[in-house]
Amino acid sequence: MLPTALAGLGFGFSLIVAIGAQNAFVMRQGLRREHIGVVVAICALSDVLLICLGTGGVGALLTAHRTVLTAVTVLGSAVLLWYAFTAVRRAIRPGVLVAEGGGEPGRLWPVALTALGLTWLNPHVYLDTVVLLGSVASAQSSPWVFAGGAMVASAVWFAALGFGAQALRPLFARPVAWRVFDLLVAAVMLAVAIGLLLGLRAA
């Protein structure tokens, strides 16, 4: 049981520890100390549900119905393009680049909706978490133990990324650091969105 759980833990980390739209957003909220707990909870609990869906066999259903994945890909690309635009706009307007919490914190509902959108409208989440992880889990002798390990990996990673980002706050006390970070975030979002749309055309 323990080796299976550890295998799930390692596999979960291998999928989630990568520079992407969701991770960049969690890190940014952690740096700004804005609704970190809510963002971490949304991302971690969403992963738990997605892992459960994949382990329960939904991954096979998704691969059998390409129309569903196509719709999610288009919606996800639109969300990523919008977030790239907002990141560029933040970088251009230094007045909103507050690192020390001196300005008004962002409202909760737009932050929560962005976290939900970057999670549930991200096709990579379905391909990696539901389809890939689900298929690997189903091949184990104890699939739900493997899935449990992956769930722990997700919770640990998002908590570390969100709350651990505060260690970098001295660096981001300067607006130029926020400008560079937001431009990098925009580049990541744009690259992922274009990659998704090109992949859709190739399919």
C-alpha atoms as a PDB file:
ATOM      1  CA  MET A   1       0.000   0.000   0.000  1.00  0.00           C
ATOM      2  CA  LEU A   2       2.724   2.479   0.973  1.00  0.00           C
ATOM      3  CA  PRO A   3       4.804   1.935  -2.223  1.00  0.00           C
ATOM      4  CA  THR A   4       1.656   2.503  -4.290  1.00  0.00           C
ATOM      5  CA  ALA A   5       0.854   5.702  -2.389  1.00  0.00           C
ATOM      6  CA  LEU A   6       4.434   6.933  -2.819  1.00  0.00           C
ATOM      7  CA  ALA A   7       4.268   6.133  -6.519  1.00  0.00           C
ATOM      8  CA  GLY A   8       1.095   8.209  -6.769  1.00  0.00           C
ATOM      9  CA  LEU A   9       2.785  11.016  -4.824  1.00  0.00           C
ATOM     10  CA  GLY A  10       5.759  11.056  -7.181  1.00  0.00           C
ATOM     11  CA  PHE A  11       3.616  10.844 -10.288  1.00  0.00           C
ATOM     12  CA  GLY A  12       1.406  13.655  -9.029  1.00  0.00           C
ATOM     13  CA  PHE A  13       4.404  15.913  -8.437  1.00  0.00           C
ATOM     14  CA  SER A  14       5.799  15.095 -11.889  1.00  0.00           C
ATOM     15  CA  LEU A  15       2.581  16.330 -13.506  1.00  0.00           C
ATOM     16  CA  ILE A  16       1.924  19.417 -11.422  1.00  0.00           C
ATOM     17  CA  VAL A  17       5.401  20.889 -10.875  1.00  0.00           C
ATOM     18  CA  ALA A  18       5.699  22.801 -14.130  1.00  0.00           C
ATOM     19  CA  ILE A  19       5.447  26.420 -15.215  1.00  0.00           C
ATOM     20  CA  GLY A  20       1.908  26.916 -16.376  1.00  0.00           C
ATOM     21  CA  ALA A  21      -1.102  29.205 -16.197  1.00  0.00           C
ATOM     22  CA  GLN A  22      -2.445  27.825 -12.935  1.00  0.00           C
ATOM     23  CA  ASN A  23       0.896  27.762 -11.108  1.00  0.00           C
ATOM     24  CA  ALA A  24       1.768  31.281 -12.269  1.00  0.00           C
ATOM     25  CA  PHE A  25      -1.550  32.570 -10.944  1.00  0.00           C
ATOM     26  CA  VAL A  26      -1.146  30.843  -7.567  1.00  0.00           C
ATOM     27  CA  MET A  27       2.366  32.257  -7.222  1.00  0.00           C
ATOM     28  CA  ARG A  28       1.214  35.756  -8.087  1.00  0.00           C
ATOM     29  CA  GLN A  29      -1.535  35.670  -5.472  1.00  0.00           C
ATOM     30  CA  GLY A  30       0.976  34.354  -2.944  1.00  0.00           C
ATOM     31  CA  LEU A  31       3.363  37.198  -3.694  1.00  0.00           C
ATOM     32  CA  ARG A  32       0.586  39.757  -3.272  1.00  0.00           C
ATOM     33  CA  ARG A  33      -0.898  38.031  -0.196  1.00  0.00           C
ATOM     34  CA  GLU A  34      -4.336  38.241  -1.762  1.00  0.00           C
ATOM     35  CA  HIS A  35      -6.844  35.499  -0.948  1.00  0.00           C
ATOM     36  CA  ILE A  36      -4.094  32.868  -0.873  1.00  0.00           C
ATOM     37  CA  GLY A  37      -6.100  30.384   1.178  1.00  0.00           C
ATOM     38  CA  VAL A  38      -9.063  30.557  -1.198  1.00  0.00           C
ATOM     39  CA  VAL A  39      -6.886  30.142  -4.290  1.00  0.00           C
ATOM     40  CA  VAL A  40      -4.938  27.223  -2.808  1.00  0.00           C
ATOM     41  CA  ALA A  41      -8.179  25.550  -1.664  1.00  0.00           C
ATOM     42  CA  ILE A  42      -9.827  25.950  -5.089  1.00  0.00           C
ATOM     43  CA  CYS A  43      -6.835  24.512  -6.944  1.00  0.00           C
ATOM     44  CA  ALA A  44      -6.196  21.652  -4.513  1.00  0.00           C
ATOM     45  CA  LEU A  45      -9.857  20.619  -4.143  1.00  0.00           C
ATOM     46  CA  SER A  46     -10.369  20.858  -7.905  1.00  0.00           C
ATOM     47  CA  ASP A  47      -7.414  18.521  -8.411  1.00  0.00           C
ATOM     48  CA  VAL A  48      -8.884  16.082  -5.888  1.00  0.00           C
ATOM     49  CA  LEU A  49     -12.151  16.004  -7.813  1.00  0.00           C
ATOM     50  CA  LEU A  50     -10.400  15.693 -11.178  1.00  0.00           C
ATOM     51  CA  ILE A  51      -8.222  12.844  -9.912  1.00  0.00           C
ATOM     52  CA  CYS A  52     -11.330  11.104  -8.609  1.00  0.00           C
ATOM     53  CA  LEU A  53     -13.011  11.520 -11.989  1.00  0.00           C
ATOM     54  CA  GLY A  54      -9.983  10.122 -13.802  1.00  0.00           C
ATOM     55  CA  THR A  55      -9.587   7.174 -11.439  1.00  0.00           C
ATOM     56  CA  GLY A  56     -13.316   6.503 -11.714  1.00  0.00           C
ATOM     57  CA  GLY A  57     -13.100   6.118 -15.485  1.00  0.00           C
ATOM     58  CA  VAL A  58     -14.127   9.529 -16.837  1.00  0.00           C
ATOM     59  CA  GLY A  59     -10.791   9.836 -18.638  1.00  0.00           C
ATOM     60  CA  ALA A  60     -11.698   7.014 -20.997  1.00  0.00           C
ATOM     61  CA  LEU A  61     -15.048   8.692 -21.675  1.00  0.00           C
ATOM     62  CA  LEU A  62     -13.349  11.992 -22.571  1.00  0.00           C
ATOM     63  CA  THR A  63     -10.969  10.383 -25.031  1.00  0.00           C
ATOM     64  CA  ALA A  64     -13.921   8.669 -26.696  1.00  0.00           C
ATOM     65  CA  HIS A  65     -15.763  11.975 -27.198  1.00  0.00           C
ATOM     66  CA  ARG A  66     -13.394  14.417 -28.864  1.00  0.00           C
ATOM     67  CA  THR A  67     -16.109  17.082 -29.156  1.00  0.00           C
ATOM     68  CA  VAL A  68     -16.014  17.656 -25.405  1.00  0.00           C
ATOM     69  CA  LEU A  69     -12.239  18.130 -25.391  1.00  0.00           C
ATOM     70  CA  THR A  70     -12.479  20.416 -28.419  1.00  0.00           C
ATOM     71  CA  ALA A  71     -15.012  22.658 -26.665  1.00  0.00           C
ATOM     72  CA  VAL A  72     -12.886  22.791 -23.520  1.00  0.00           C
ATOM     73  CA  THR A  73      -9.801  23.594 -25.606  1.00  0.00           C
ATOM     74  CA  VAL A  74     -11.481  26.562 -27.304  1.00  0.00           C
ATOM     75  CA  LEU A  75     -12.848  27.927 -24.021  1.00  0.00           C
ATOM     76  CA  GLY A  76      -9.552  27.345 -22.255  1.00  0.00           C
ATOM     77  CA  SER A  77      -7.595  29.136 -24.973  1.00  0.00           C
ATOM     78  CA  ALA A  78      -9.919  32.128 -24.714  1.00  0.00           C
ATOM     79  CA  VAL A  79      -9.410  32.298 -20.943  1.00  0.00           C
ATOM     80  CA  LEU A  80      -5.631  32.076 -21.326  1.00  0.00           C
ATOM     81  CA  LEU A  81      -5.581  34.822 -23.982  1.00  0.00           C
ATOM     82  CA  TRP A  82      -7.646  37.095 -21.757  1.00  0.00           C
ATOM     83  CA  TYR A  83      -5.376  36.478 -18.784  1.00  0.00           C
ATOM     84  CA  ALA A  84      -2.321  37.178 -20.966  1.00  0.00           C
ATOM     85  CA  PHE A  85      -3.894  40.493 -21.965  1.00  0.00           C
ATOM     86  CA  THR A  86      -4.599  41.455 -18.344  1.00  0.00           C
ATOM     87  CA  ALA A  87      -1.022  40.522 -17.346  1.00  0.00           C
ATOM     88  CA  VAL A  88       0.386  42.798 -20.071  1.00  0.00           C
ATOM     89  CA  ARG A  89      -1.947  45.572 -18.943  1.00  0.00           C
ATOM     90  CA  ARG A  90      -0.724  45.213 -15.357  1.00  0.00           C
ATOM     91  CA  ALA A  91       2.885  45.394 -16.555  1.00  0.00           C
ATOM     92  CA  ILE A  92       2.203  48.586 -18.507  1.00  0.00           C
ATOM     93  CA  ARG A  93       0.453  50.294 -15.589  1.00  0.00           C
ATOM     94  CA  PRO A  94       2.948  50.613 -12.694  1.00  0.00           C
ATOM     95  CA  GLY A  95       0.256  52.016 -10.444  1.00  0.00           C
ATOM     96  CA  VAL A  96      -1.255  48.592  -9.921  1.00  0.00           C
ATOM     97  CA  LEU A  97       2.058  46.867  -9.202  1.00  0.00           C
ATOM     98  CA  VAL A  98       1.926  46.993  -5.396  1.00  0.00           C
ATOM     99  CA  ALA A  99       4.188  44.442  -3.711  1.00  0.00           C
ATOM    100  CA  GLU A 100       3.910  45.444  -0.080  1.00  0.00           C
ATOM    101  CA  GLY A 101       0.166  45.438   0.286  1.00  0.00           C
ATOM    102  CA  GLY A 102      -0.103  49.211   0.487  1.00  0.00           C
ATOM    103  CA  GLY A 103      -2.959  49.312  -2.022  1.00  0.00           C
ATOM    104  CA  GLU A 104      -6.442  47.908  -1.823  1.00  0.00           C
ATOM    105  CA  PRO A 105      -6.527  44.099  -2.122  1.00  0.00           C
ATOM    106  CA  GLY A 106      -8.290  42.660  -5.116  1.00  0.00           C
ATOM    107  CA  ARG A 107     -11.888  41.543  -4.711  1.00  0.00           C
ATOM    108  CA  LEU A 108     -12.441  37.910  -3.822  1.00  0.00           C
ATOM    109  CA  TRP A 109     -14.878  36.878  -6.536  1.00  0.00           C
ATOM    110  CA  PRO A 110     -12.732  37.822  -9.579  1.00  0.00           C
ATOM    111  CA  VAL A 111      -9.771  36.026  -7.986  1.00  0.00           C
ATOM    112  CA  ALA A 112     -11.876  32.926  -7.273  1.00  0.00           C
ATOM    113  CA  LEU A 113     -13.353  32.922 -10.782  1.00  0.00           C
ATOM    114  CA  THR A 114      -9.896  33.237 -12.327  1.00  0.00           C
ATOM    115  CA  ALA A 115      -8.633  30.301 -10.250  1.00  0.00           C
ATOM    116  CA  LEU A 116     -11.653  28.230 -11.304  1.00  0.00           C
ATOM    117  CA  GLY A 117     -11.257  29.219 -14.951  1.00  0.00           C
ATOM    118  CA  LEU A 118      -7.542  28.455 -15.097  1.00  0.00           C
ATOM    119  CA  THR A 119      -8.305  25.057 -13.563  1.00  0.00           C
ATOM    120  CA  TRP A 120     -11.532  23.847 -15.152  1.00  0.00           C
ATOM    121  CA  LEU A 121     -11.109  25.503 -18.560  1.00  0.00           C
ATOM    122  CA  ASN A 122      -7.548  24.268 -18.991  1.00  0.00           C
ATOM    123  CA  PRO A 123      -7.446  21.280 -21.371  1.00  0.00           C
ATOM    124  CA  HIS A 124      -4.037  20.250 -19.995  1.00  0.00           C
ATOM    125  CA  VAL A 125      -5.741  19.565 -16.673  1.00  0.00           C
ATOM    126  CA  TYR A 126      -8.046  17.033 -18.297  1.00  0.00           C
ATOM    127  CA  LEU A 127      -5.337  15.443 -20.412  1.00  0.00           C
ATOM    128  CA  ASP A 128      -2.840  15.162 -17.540  1.00  0.00           C
ATOM    129  CA  THR A 129      -4.964  14.745 -14.420  1.00  0.00           C
ATOM    130  CA  VAL A 130      -8.071  12.985 -15.711  1.00  0.00           C
ATOM    131  CA  VAL A 131      -6.852  11.005 -18.716  1.00  0.00           C
ATOM    132  CA  LEU A 132      -3.170  10.288 -18.000  1.00  0.00           C
ATOM    133  CA  LEU A 133      -3.205  10.025 -14.217  1.00  0.00           C
ATOM    134  CA  GLY A 134      -6.532   8.210 -14.316  1.00  0.00           C
ATOM    135  CA  SER A 135      -5.242   5.604 -16.739  1.00  0.00           C
ATOM    136  CA  VAL A 136      -2.053   5.068 -14.714  1.00  0.00           C
ATOM    137  CA  ALA A 137      -4.062   4.773 -11.492  1.00  0.00           C
ATOM    138  CA  SER A 138      -6.461   2.238 -13.009  1.00  0.00           C
ATOM    139  CA  ALA A 139      -3.493   0.042 -13.947  1.00  0.00           C
ATOM    140  CA  GLN A 140      -2.386  -0.208 -10.288  1.00  0.00           C
ATOM    141  CA  SER A 141      -3.382  -3.014  -7.950  1.00  0.00           C
ATOM    142  CA  SER A 142      -4.773  -0.358  -5.563  1.00  0.00           C
ATOM    143  CA  PRO A 143      -5.876   2.495  -7.850  1.00  0.00           C
ATOM    144  CA  TRP A 144      -7.423   4.654  -5.123  1.00  0.00           C
ATOM    145  CA  VAL A 145      -4.304   4.426  -2.969  1.00  0.00           C
ATOM    146  CA  PHE A 146      -2.278   5.640  -5.955  1.00  0.00           C
ATOM    147  CA  ALA A 147      -4.833   8.406  -6.532  1.00  0.00           C
ATOM    148  CA  GLY A 148      -4.630   9.354  -2.845  1.00  0.00           C
ATOM    149  CA  GLY A 149      -0.887   9.858  -3.154  1.00  0.00           C
ATOM    150  CA  ALA A 150      -1.416  12.113  -6.163  1.00  0.00           C
ATOM    151  CA  MET A 151      -4.006  14.132  -4.227  1.00  0.00           C
ATOM    152  CA  VAL A 152      -1.525  14.693  -1.401  1.00  0.00           C
ATOM    153  CA  ALA A 153       1.080  15.856  -3.924  1.00  0.00           C
ATOM    154  CA  SER A 154      -1.386  18.405  -5.330  1.00  0.00           C
ATOM    155  CA  ALA A 155      -2.325  19.785  -1.909  1.00  0.00           C
ATOM    156  CA  VAL A 156       1.316  20.039  -0.795  1.00  0.00           C
ATOM    157  CA  TRP A 157       2.416  21.724  -4.019  1.00  0.00           C
ATOM    158  CA  PHE A 158      -0.292  24.396  -4.130  1.00  0.00           C
ATOM    159  CA  ALA A 159       0.132  25.202  -0.431  1.00  0.00           C
ATOM    160  CA  ALA A 160       3.910  25.475  -0.843  1.00  0.00           C
ATOM    161  CA  LEU A 161       3.590  27.598  -3.973  1.00  0.00           C
ATOM    162  CA  GLY A 162       0.962  29.949  -2.572  1.00  0.00           C
ATOM    163  CA  PHE A 163       2.268  30.451   0.954  1.00  0.00           C
ATOM    164  CA  GLY A 164       5.954  29.905   0.132  1.00  0.00           C
ATOM    165  CA  ALA A 165       5.933  32.648  -2.506  1.00  0.00           C
ATOM    166  CA  GLN A 166       6.049  35.169   0.337  1.00  0.00           C
ATOM    167  CA  ALA A 167       9.750  34.384   0.756  1.00  0.00           C
ATOM    168  CA  LEU A 168      10.300  36.193  -2.557  1.00  0.00           C
ATOM    169  CA  ARG A 169       8.463  39.354  -1.473  1.00  0.00           C
ATOM    170  CA  PRO A 170      11.661  41.400  -0.869  1.00  0.00           C
ATOM    171  CA  LEU A 171      12.560  40.877  -4.520  1.00  0.00           C
ATOM    172  CA  PHE A 172       9.107  41.967  -5.629  1.00  0.00           C
ATOM    173  CA  ALA A 173       9.138  45.108  -3.505  1.00  0.00           C
ATOM    174  CA  ARG A 174      10.250  46.902  -6.674  1.00  0.00           C
ATOM    175  CA  PRO A 175       7.699  47.605  -9.431  1.00  0.00           C
ATOM    176  CA  VAL A 176      10.204  46.532 -12.108  1.00  0.00           C
ATOM    177  CA  ALA A 177      10.188  42.997 -10.678  1.00  0.00           C
ATOM    178  CA  TRP A 178       6.396  42.881 -10.976  1.00  0.00           C
ATOM    179  CA  ARG A 179       6.642  44.216 -14.513  1.00  0.00           C
ATOM    180  CA  VAL A 180       9.042  41.429 -15.543  1.00  0.00           C
ATOM    181  CA  PHE A 181       6.991  38.776 -13.729  1.00  0.00           C
ATOM    182  CA  ASP A 182       3.722  39.823 -15.360  1.00  0.00           C
ATOM    183  CA  LEU A 183       5.338  39.911 -18.791  1.00  0.00           C
ATOM    184  CA  LEU A 184       6.647  36.374 -18.221  1.00  0.00           C
ATOM    185  CA  VAL A 185       3.186  35.282 -17.084  1.00  0.00           C
ATOM    186  CA  ALA A 186       1.692  36.807 -20.238  1.00  0.00           C
ATOM    187  CA  ALA A 187       4.250  34.983 -22.382  1.00  0.00           C
ATOM    188  CA  VAL A 188       3.432  31.652 -20.726  1.00  0.00           C
ATOM    189  CA  MET A 189      -0.331  32.163 -21.132  1.00  0.00           C
ATOM    190  CA  LEU A 190       0.060  33.198 -24.776  1.00  0.00           C
ATOM    191  CA  ALA A 191       2.357  30.281 -25.617  1.00  0.00           C
ATOM    192  CA  VAL A 192       0.001  27.750 -24.004  1.00  0.00           C
ATOM    193  CA  ALA A 193      -3.064  29.232 -25.736  1.00  0.00           C
ATOM    194  CA  ILE A 194      -1.395  29.210 -29.155  1.00  0.00           C
ATOM    195  CA  GLY A 195      -0.120  25.684 -28.591  1.00  0.00           C
ATOM    196  CA  LEU A 196      -3.628  24.501 -27.727  1.00  0.00           C
ATOM    197  CA  LEU A 197      -5.176  26.108 -30.800  1.00  0.00           C
ATOM    198  CA  LEU A 198      -2.454  24.764 -33.114  1.00  0.00           C
ATOM    199  CA  GLY A 199      -2.921  21.315 -31.618  1.00  0.00           C
ATOM    200  CA  LEU A 200      -6.644  21.607 -32.262  1.00  0.00           C
ATOM    201  CA  ARG A 201      -6.013  22.418 -35.933  1.00  0.00           C
ATOM    202  CA  ALA A 202      -3.586  19.516 -36.275  1.00  0.00           C
ATOM    203  CA  ALA A 203      -6.135  17.125 -34.822  1.00  0.00           C
END
